[in-house]
């Protein structure tokens, strides 16, 4: 019997020790949890203070541009250069032969006119005034072609009495003294959607140059829709 009592006391002691160990572990976890929560609260408080401090701090003003650099940039942008020189051969008064094609394989419609080209705004743009006929009707148009020193591209605009919009164009690829290529955009009156056109100015010599326009047929094929042949008047 004493042995049984002793074994029982041992088991009871172990159970008590186990409970004590579990209690300590639970207390340790609770303490750790409280510490983590305390740290999180402190972190949030610190972040809140930093946000408030940042909000209270006046925004940093952007640095003002250097007046000399700004003036030099504008001077370079506004001064006619080599890009403008290339346009010199097309300045003057020309007899113009214009041929239209309404679609690939369609019969051409040709007409004659006069086109006067002159420098405007101090040699920065060439103004074109065209008068003649087109498709049996009186036709006149005004356009401007220049070289944008900032974009380093040719730019142009055109308007005429066969529409109420303005077609804008910008140079693409590398221009040469005898060839300049443009991409133009206008709105098709049939579906009112913007369409893209390819245009090529070719300078043969001081007295002759041509202007070609290429569009897209309904099936997407590229075709030449217009050719203007310029011959300088004597």
C-alpha atoms as a PDB file:
ATOM      1  CA  UNK A   1       0.000   0.000   0.000  1.00  0.00           C
ATOM      2  CA  UNK A   2       2.719   2.474   0.774  1.00  0.00           C
ATOM      3  CA  UNK A   3       4.146   1.904  -2.682  1.00  0.00           C
ATOM      4  CA  UNK A   4       0.793   2.596  -4.289  1.00  0.00           C
ATOM      5  CA  UNK A   5       0.414   5.786  -2.280  1.00  0.00           C
ATOM      6  CA  UNK A   6       3.866   6.883  -3.265  1.00  0.00           C
ATOM      7  CA  UNK A   7       3.133   6.269  -6.985  1.00  0.00           C
ATOM      8  CA  UNK A   8      -0.080   8.224  -6.705  1.00  0.00           C
ATOM      9  CA  UNK A   9       1.745  11.115  -5.064  1.00  0.00           C
ATOM     10  CA  UNK A  10       4.334  11.019  -7.868  1.00  0.00           C
ATOM     11  CA  UNK A  11       1.665  11.131 -10.533  1.00  0.00           C
ATOM     12  CA  UNK A  12      -0.087  13.966  -8.762  1.00  0.00           C
ATOM     13  CA  UNK A  13       3.191  15.858  -8.525  1.00  0.00           C
ATOM     14  CA  UNK A  14       3.895  15.405 -12.202  1.00  0.00           C
ATOM     15  CA  UNK A  15       0.389  16.592 -13.118  1.00  0.00           C
ATOM     16  CA  UNK A  16       0.828  19.629 -10.909  1.00  0.00           C
ATOM     17  CA  UNK A  17       4.205  20.374 -12.482  1.00  0.00           C
ATOM     18  CA  UNK A  18       2.722  19.974 -15.960  1.00  0.00           C
ATOM     19  CA  UNK A  19      -0.078  22.383 -15.140  1.00  0.00           C
ATOM     20  CA  UNK A  20       2.413  24.861 -13.768  1.00  0.00           C
ATOM     21  CA  UNK A  21       4.523  24.594 -16.924  1.00  0.00           C
ATOM     22  CA  UNK A  22       1.443  25.095 -19.132  1.00  0.00           C
ATOM     23  CA  UNK A  23       0.422  28.089 -17.034  1.00  0.00           C
ATOM     24  CA  UNK A  24       3.873  29.604 -17.414  1.00  0.00           C
ATOM     25  CA  UNK A  25       3.784  29.049 -21.206  1.00  0.00           C
ATOM     26  CA  UNK A  26       0.352  30.669 -21.448  1.00  0.00           C
ATOM     27  CA  UNK A  27       1.561  33.619 -19.392  1.00  0.00           C
ATOM     28  CA  UNK A  28       4.645  33.912 -21.575  1.00  0.00           C
ATOM     29  CA  UNK A  29       2.513  33.931 -24.748  1.00  0.00           C
ATOM     30  CA  UNK A  30       0.209  36.558 -23.279  1.00  0.00           C
ATOM     31  CA  UNK A  31       3.192  38.711 -22.341  1.00  0.00           C
ATOM     32  CA  UNK A  32       4.660  38.344 -25.854  1.00  0.00           C
ATOM     33  CA  UNK A  33       1.280  39.190 -27.422  1.00  0.00           C
ATOM     34  CA  UNK A  34       1.005  42.305 -25.255  1.00  0.00           C
ATOM     35  CA  UNK A  35       4.544  43.326 -26.225  1.00  0.00           C
ATOM     36  CA  UNK A  36       3.770  42.855 -29.942  1.00  0.00           C
ATOM     37  CA  UNK A  37       0.569  44.877 -29.626  1.00  0.00           C
ATOM     38  CA  UNK A  38       2.473  47.593 -27.774  1.00  0.00           C
ATOM     39  CA  UNK A  39       5.103  47.737 -30.517  1.00  0.00           C
ATOM     40  CA  UNK A  40       2.427  47.916 -33.232  1.00  0.00           C
ATOM     41  CA  UNK A  41       0.678  50.747 -31.389  1.00  0.00           C
ATOM     42  CA  UNK A  42       3.962  52.598 -31.008  1.00  0.00           C
ATOM     43  CA  UNK A  43       4.738  52.074 -34.701  1.00  0.00           C
ATOM     44  CA  UNK A  44       1.341  53.432 -35.729  1.00  0.00           C
ATOM     45  CA  UNK A  45       1.810  56.434 -33.459  1.00  0.00           C
ATOM     46  CA  UNK A  46       5.233  57.115 -34.960  1.00  0.00           C
ATOM     47  CA  UNK A  47       3.862  56.830 -38.504  1.00  0.00           C
ATOM     48  CA  UNK A  48       0.980  59.147 -37.601  1.00  0.00           C
ATOM     49  CA  UNK A  49       3.380  61.723 -36.224  1.00  0.00           C
ATOM     50  CA  UNK A  50       5.578  61.473 -39.356  1.00  0.00           C
ATOM     51  CA  UNK A  51       2.531  61.947 -41.595  1.00  0.00           C
ATOM     52  CA  UNK A  52       1.399  64.945 -39.589  1.00  0.00           C
ATOM     53  CA  UNK A  53       4.892  66.426 -39.683  1.00  0.00           C
ATOM     54  CA  UNK A  54       5.099  65.894 -43.461  1.00  0.00           C
ATOM     55  CA  UNK A  55       1.708  67.495 -43.964  1.00  0.00           C
ATOM     56  CA  UNK A  56       2.693  70.447 -41.819  1.00  0.00           C
ATOM     57  CA  UNK A  57       5.931  70.928 -43.754  1.00  0.00           C
ATOM     58  CA  UNK A  58       5.466  73.395 -46.652  1.00  0.00           C
ATOM     59  CA  UNK A  59       5.771  71.910 -50.153  1.00  0.00           C
ATOM     60  CA  UNK A  60       9.141  72.384 -51.743  1.00  0.00           C
ATOM     61  CA  UNK A  61       8.992  74.873 -54.571  1.00  0.00           C
ATOM     62  CA  UNK A  62      10.364  73.737 -57.929  1.00  0.00           C
ATOM     63  CA  UNK A  63      13.628  75.299 -58.862  1.00  0.00           C
ATOM     64  CA  UNK A  64      13.193  78.266 -61.164  1.00  0.00           C
ATOM     65  CA  UNK A  65      14.693  77.754 -64.650  1.00  0.00           C
ATOM     66  CA  UNK A  66      17.943  79.488 -65.421  1.00  0.00           C
ATOM     67  CA  UNK A  67      16.999  82.660 -67.373  1.00  0.00           C
ATOM     68  CA  UNK A  68      20.079  82.447 -69.593  1.00  0.00           C
ATOM     69  CA  UNK A  69      19.465  78.797 -70.495  1.00  0.00           C
ATOM     70  CA  UNK A  70      15.797  79.501 -71.132  1.00  0.00           C
ATOM     71  CA  UNK A  71      16.636  82.436 -73.407  1.00  0.00           C
ATOM     72  CA  UNK A  72      19.219  80.365 -75.306  1.00  0.00           C
ATOM     73  CA  UNK A  73      16.674  77.567 -75.836  1.00  0.00           C
ATOM     74  CA  UNK A  74      14.071  79.971 -77.188  1.00  0.00           C
ATOM     75  CA  UNK A  75      16.641  81.631 -79.414  1.00  0.00           C
ATOM     76  CA  UNK A  76      17.606  78.278 -80.940  1.00  0.00           C
ATOM     77  CA  UNK A  77      13.945  77.336 -81.380  1.00  0.00           C
ATOM     78  CA  UNK A  78      13.030  80.542 -83.207  1.00  0.00           C
ATOM     79  CA  UNK A  79      16.025  80.927 -85.529  1.00  0.00           C
ATOM     80  CA  UNK A  80      15.606  79.637 -89.131  1.00  0.00           C
ATOM     81  CA  UNK A  81      18.277  77.041 -89.927  1.00  0.00           C
ATOM     82  CA  UNK A  82      19.157  74.296 -92.433  1.00  0.00           C
ATOM     83  CA  UNK A  83      15.697  72.785 -92.216  1.00  0.00           C
ATOM     84  CA  UNK A  84      14.253  76.019 -93.549  1.00  0.00           C
ATOM     85  CA  UNK A  85      16.950  76.354 -96.202  1.00  0.00           C
ATOM     86  CA  UNK A  86      15.704  73.162 -97.860  1.00  0.00           C
ATOM     87  CA  UNK A  87      12.393  74.882 -98.586  1.00  0.00           C
ATOM     88  CA  UNK A  88      13.969  77.737-100.553  1.00  0.00           C
ATOM     89  CA  UNK A  89      13.616  76.009-104.007  1.00  0.00           C
ATOM     90  CA  UNK A  90       9.824  75.858-103.677  1.00  0.00           C
ATOM     91  CA  UNK A  91       9.454  79.615-103.055  1.00  0.00           C
ATOM     92  CA  UNK A  92       8.105  81.564-106.041  1.00  0.00           C
ATOM     93  CA  UNK A  93       5.182  81.484-108.480  1.00  0.00           C
ATOM     94  CA  UNK A  94       4.475  78.204-110.248  1.00  0.00           C
ATOM     95  CA  UNK A  95       2.164  76.763-112.872  1.00  0.00           C
ATOM     96  CA  UNK A  96       0.636  73.660-111.338  1.00  0.00           C
ATOM     97  CA  UNK A  97      -0.765  70.555-112.978  1.00  0.00           C
ATOM     98  CA  UNK A  98      -2.901  68.576-110.520  1.00  0.00           C
ATOM     99  CA  UNK A  99      -4.070  65.007-111.084  1.00  0.00           C
ATOM    100  CA  UNK A 100      -6.557  63.197-108.818  1.00  0.00           C
ATOM    101  CA  UNK A 101      -7.400  59.490-108.533  1.00  0.00           C
ATOM    102  CA  UNK A 102     -10.549  58.689-106.577  1.00  0.00           C
ATOM    103  CA  UNK A 103      -9.635  54.998-106.174  1.00  0.00           C
ATOM    104  CA  UNK A 104      -7.049  52.496-107.440  1.00  0.00           C
ATOM    105  CA  UNK A 105      -7.475  52.012-111.184  1.00  0.00           C
ATOM    106  CA  UNK A 106      -9.935  54.903-111.509  1.00  0.00           C
ATOM    107  CA  UNK A 107      -9.474  57.301-114.451  1.00  0.00           C
ATOM    108  CA  UNK A 108      -7.378  60.357-113.536  1.00  0.00           C
ATOM    109  CA  UNK A 109      -8.908  63.806-113.267  1.00  0.00           C
ATOM    110  CA  UNK A 110      -6.364  66.487-114.272  1.00  0.00           C
ATOM    111  CA  UNK A 111      -6.623  70.258-113.976  1.00  0.00           C
ATOM    112  CA  UNK A 112      -4.376  73.315-114.118  1.00  0.00           C
ATOM    113  CA  UNK A 113      -3.799  76.078-111.631  1.00  0.00           C
ATOM    114  CA  UNK A 114      -1.407  78.677-110.271  1.00  0.00           C
ATOM    115  CA  UNK A 115       0.401  78.411-106.962  1.00  0.00           C
ATOM    116  CA  UNK A 116       2.186  81.284-105.228  1.00  0.00           C
ATOM    117  CA  UNK A 117       4.674  80.429-102.480  1.00  0.00           C
ATOM    118  CA  UNK A 118       6.283  83.030-100.236  1.00  0.00           C
ATOM    119  CA  UNK A 119       8.195  83.196 -96.989  1.00  0.00           C
ATOM    120  CA  UNK A 120       6.202  84.530 -94.021  1.00  0.00           C
ATOM    121  CA  UNK A 121       7.011  85.327 -90.394  1.00  0.00           C
ATOM    122  CA  UNK A 122      10.631  86.105 -91.061  1.00  0.00           C
ATOM    123  CA  UNK A 123      11.490  83.069 -93.181  1.00  0.00           C
ATOM    124  CA  UNK A 124      10.040  80.519 -90.781  1.00  0.00           C
ATOM    125  CA  UNK A 125       7.176  79.225 -92.911  1.00  0.00           C
ATOM    126  CA  UNK A 126       6.355  78.985 -96.602  1.00  0.00           C
ATOM    127  CA  UNK A 127       2.815  80.137 -97.327  1.00  0.00           C
ATOM    128  CA  UNK A 128       1.146  78.559-100.381  1.00  0.00           C
ATOM    129  CA  UNK A 129      -1.903  80.057-102.132  1.00  0.00           C
ATOM    130  CA  UNK A 130      -3.335  77.806-104.853  1.00  0.00           C
ATOM    131  CA  UNK A 131      -5.999  78.776-107.390  1.00  0.00           C
ATOM    132  CA  UNK A 132      -7.393  76.631-110.171  1.00  0.00           C
ATOM    133  CA  UNK A 133     -10.054  74.004-110.763  1.00  0.00           C
ATOM    134  CA  UNK A 134     -10.651  70.491-109.456  1.00  0.00           C
ATOM    135  CA  UNK A 135     -13.203  67.995-110.748  1.00  0.00           C
ATOM    136  CA  UNK A 136     -14.771  70.706-112.884  1.00  0.00           C
ATOM    137  CA  UNK A 137     -15.221  73.150-109.996  1.00  0.00           C
ATOM    138  CA  UNK A 138     -13.304  76.270-108.878  1.00  0.00           C
ATOM    139  CA  UNK A 139     -10.658  75.291-106.365  1.00  0.00           C
ATOM    140  CA  UNK A 140      -8.509  77.328-104.006  1.00  0.00           C
ATOM    141  CA  UNK A 141      -6.462  76.428-100.991  1.00  0.00           C
ATOM    142  CA  UNK A 142      -4.004  77.857 -98.494  1.00  0.00           C
ATOM    143  CA  UNK A 143      -1.212  75.952 -96.801  1.00  0.00           C
ATOM    144  CA  UNK A 144       1.834  76.477 -94.609  1.00  0.00           C
ATOM    145  CA  UNK A 145       5.015  74.431 -94.461  1.00  0.00           C
ATOM    146  CA  UNK A 146       7.820  74.956 -91.974  1.00  0.00           C
ATOM    147  CA  UNK A 147      10.537  73.251 -89.985  1.00  0.00           C
ATOM    148  CA  UNK A 148      10.113  72.860 -86.234  1.00  0.00           C
ATOM    149  CA  UNK A 149      13.541  73.267 -84.632  1.00  0.00           C
ATOM    150  CA  UNK A 150      12.280  71.765 -81.370  1.00  0.00           C
ATOM    151  CA  UNK A 151      10.804  68.576 -82.845  1.00  0.00           C
ATOM    152  CA  UNK A 152      13.445  68.558 -85.589  1.00  0.00           C
ATOM    153  CA  UNK A 153      10.709  67.739 -88.057  1.00  0.00           C
ATOM    154  CA  UNK A 154       8.897  69.405 -90.927  1.00  0.00           C
ATOM    155  CA  UNK A 155       5.360  70.484 -90.141  1.00  0.00           C
ATOM    156  CA  UNK A 156       2.500  71.610 -92.336  1.00  0.00           C
ATOM    157  CA  UNK A 157      -1.166  72.550 -92.493  1.00  0.00           C
ATOM    158  CA  UNK A 158      -3.633  72.841 -95.369  1.00  0.00           C
ATOM    159  CA  UNK A 159      -7.172  74.129 -95.877  1.00  0.00           C
ATOM    160  CA  UNK A 160      -9.250  74.633 -99.005  1.00  0.00           C
ATOM    161  CA  UNK A 161     -12.753  75.388-100.274  1.00  0.00           C
ATOM    162  CA  UNK A 162     -13.605  71.681-100.663  1.00  0.00           C
ATOM    163  CA  UNK A 163     -13.815  71.179 -96.922  1.00  0.00           C
ATOM    164  CA  UNK A 164     -14.166  72.968 -93.604  1.00  0.00           C
ATOM    165  CA  UNK A 165     -11.411  71.204 -91.669  1.00  0.00           C
ATOM    166  CA  UNK A 166      -7.657  71.627 -91.506  1.00  0.00           C
ATOM    167  CA  UNK A 167      -5.267  68.845 -92.475  1.00  0.00           C
ATOM    168  CA  UNK A 168      -2.123  68.790 -90.358  1.00  0.00           C
ATOM    169  CA  UNK A 169       1.051  66.965 -91.271  1.00  0.00           C
ATOM    170  CA  UNK A 170       4.402  66.191 -89.710  1.00  0.00           C
ATOM    171  CA  UNK A 171       7.619  65.011 -91.299  1.00  0.00           C
ATOM    172  CA  UNK A 172       8.815  61.446 -90.930  1.00  0.00           C
ATOM    173  CA  UNK A 173      12.086  59.725 -91.718  1.00  0.00           C
ATOM    174  CA  UNK A 174      15.237  61.578 -92.669  1.00  0.00           C
ATOM    175  CA  UNK A 175      14.724  64.557 -94.964  1.00  0.00           C
ATOM    176  CA  UNK A 176      17.168  65.408 -97.754  1.00  0.00           C
ATOM    177  CA  UNK A 177      17.562  68.392-100.058  1.00  0.00           C
ATOM    178  CA  UNK A 178      15.506  66.667-102.755  1.00  0.00           C
ATOM    179  CA  UNK A 179      12.933  64.696-100.747  1.00  0.00           C
ATOM    180  CA  UNK A 180      10.754  65.304 -97.688  1.00  0.00           C
ATOM    181  CA  UNK A 181       8.151  62.806 -96.473  1.00  0.00           C
ATOM    182  CA  UNK A 182       5.136  63.658 -94.303  1.00  0.00           C
ATOM    183  CA  UNK A 183       2.318  61.911 -92.498  1.00  0.00           C
ATOM    184  CA  UNK A 184      -0.941  63.840 -92.652  1.00  0.00           C
ATOM    185  CA  UNK A 185      -4.204  63.436 -90.782  1.00  0.00           C
ATOM    186  CA  UNK A 186      -7.689  64.526 -91.744  1.00  0.00           C
ATOM    187  CA  UNK A 187     -11.287  63.427 -91.139  1.00  0.00           C
ATOM    188  CA  UNK A 188     -13.074  61.489 -93.850  1.00  0.00           C
ATOM    189  CA  UNK A 189     -16.423  63.231 -94.558  1.00  0.00           C
ATOM    190  CA  UNK A 190     -18.062  59.881 -95.389  1.00  0.00           C
ATOM    191  CA  UNK A 191     -17.626  58.246 -91.963  1.00  0.00           C
ATOM    192  CA  UNK A 192     -16.203  61.180 -89.977  1.00  0.00           C
ATOM    193  CA  UNK A 193     -13.256  59.090 -88.886  1.00  0.00           C
ATOM    194  CA  UNK A 194      -9.658  60.299 -88.874  1.00  0.00           C
ATOM    195  CA  UNK A 195      -7.593  58.931 -91.739  1.00  0.00           C
ATOM    196  CA  UNK A 196      -3.844  58.936 -92.237  1.00  0.00           C
ATOM    197  CA  UNK A 197      -2.202  59.993 -95.475  1.00  0.00           C
ATOM    198  CA  UNK A 198       1.364  59.757 -96.764  1.00  0.00           C
ATOM    199  CA  UNK A 199       2.776  62.778 -98.593  1.00  0.00           C
ATOM    200  CA  UNK A 200       6.037  63.223-100.447  1.00  0.00           C
ATOM    201  CA  UNK A 201       7.621  66.489-101.597  1.00  0.00           C
ATOM    202  CA  UNK A 202      10.310  65.970-104.249  1.00  0.00           C
ATOM    203  CA  UNK A 203      12.538  68.806-105.446  1.00  0.00           C
ATOM    204  CA  UNK A 204      14.054  68.160-108.864  1.00  0.00           C
ATOM    205  CA  UNK A 205      15.667  71.584-109.189  1.00  0.00           C
ATOM    206  CA  UNK A 206      14.914  75.217-108.452  1.00  0.00           C
ATOM    207  CA  UNK A 207      12.257  75.338-111.192  1.00  0.00           C
ATOM    208  CA  UNK A 208      10.552  71.974-110.723  1.00  0.00           C
ATOM    209  CA  UNK A 209       9.108  70.079-107.792  1.00  0.00           C
ATOM    210  CA  UNK A 210       6.242  67.661-107.187  1.00  0.00           C
ATOM    211  CA  UNK A 211       3.888  66.840-104.358  1.00  0.00           C
ATOM    212  CA  UNK A 212       2.314  63.380-104.046  1.00  0.00           C
ATOM    213  CA  UNK A 213      -0.389  62.131-101.721  1.00  0.00           C
ATOM    214  CA  UNK A 214      -1.107  58.473-100.958  1.00  0.00           C
ATOM    215  CA  UNK A 215      -4.262  57.148 -99.338  1.00  0.00           C
ATOM    216  CA  UNK A 216      -5.846  53.786 -98.574  1.00  0.00           C
ATOM    217  CA  UNK A 217      -8.542  52.022-100.562  1.00  0.00           C
ATOM    218  CA  UNK A 218     -11.458  50.317 -98.713  1.00  0.00           C
ATOM    219  CA  UNK A 219      -9.477  47.049 -98.725  1.00  0.00           C
ATOM    220  CA  UNK A 220      -6.517  48.783 -97.063  1.00  0.00           C
ATOM    221  CA  UNK A 221      -4.228  48.951-100.097  1.00  0.00           C
ATOM    222  CA  UNK A 222      -2.052  52.049-100.497  1.00  0.00           C
ATOM    223  CA  UNK A 223      -2.526  54.033-103.708  1.00  0.00           C
ATOM    224  CA  UNK A 224      -1.545  57.430-105.079  1.00  0.00           C
ATOM    225  CA  UNK A 225      -4.547  59.727-104.849  1.00  0.00           C
ATOM    226  CA  UNK A 226      -2.966  63.009-105.968  1.00  0.00           C
ATOM    227  CA  UNK A 227       0.010  64.363-107.892  1.00  0.00           C
ATOM    228  CA  UNK A 228       0.840  68.055-108.295  1.00  0.00           C
ATOM    229  CA  UNK A 229       3.597  69.008-110.746  1.00  0.00           C
ATOM    230  CA  UNK A 230       5.007  72.501-110.258  1.00  0.00           C
ATOM    231  CA  UNK A 231       6.900  74.455-112.932  1.00  0.00           C
ATOM    232  CA  UNK A 232       8.277  77.893-112.098  1.00  0.00           C
ATOM    233  CA  UNK A 233       6.914  80.752-114.159  1.00  0.00           C
ATOM    234  CA  UNK A 234       9.462  82.594-116.232  1.00  0.00           C
END
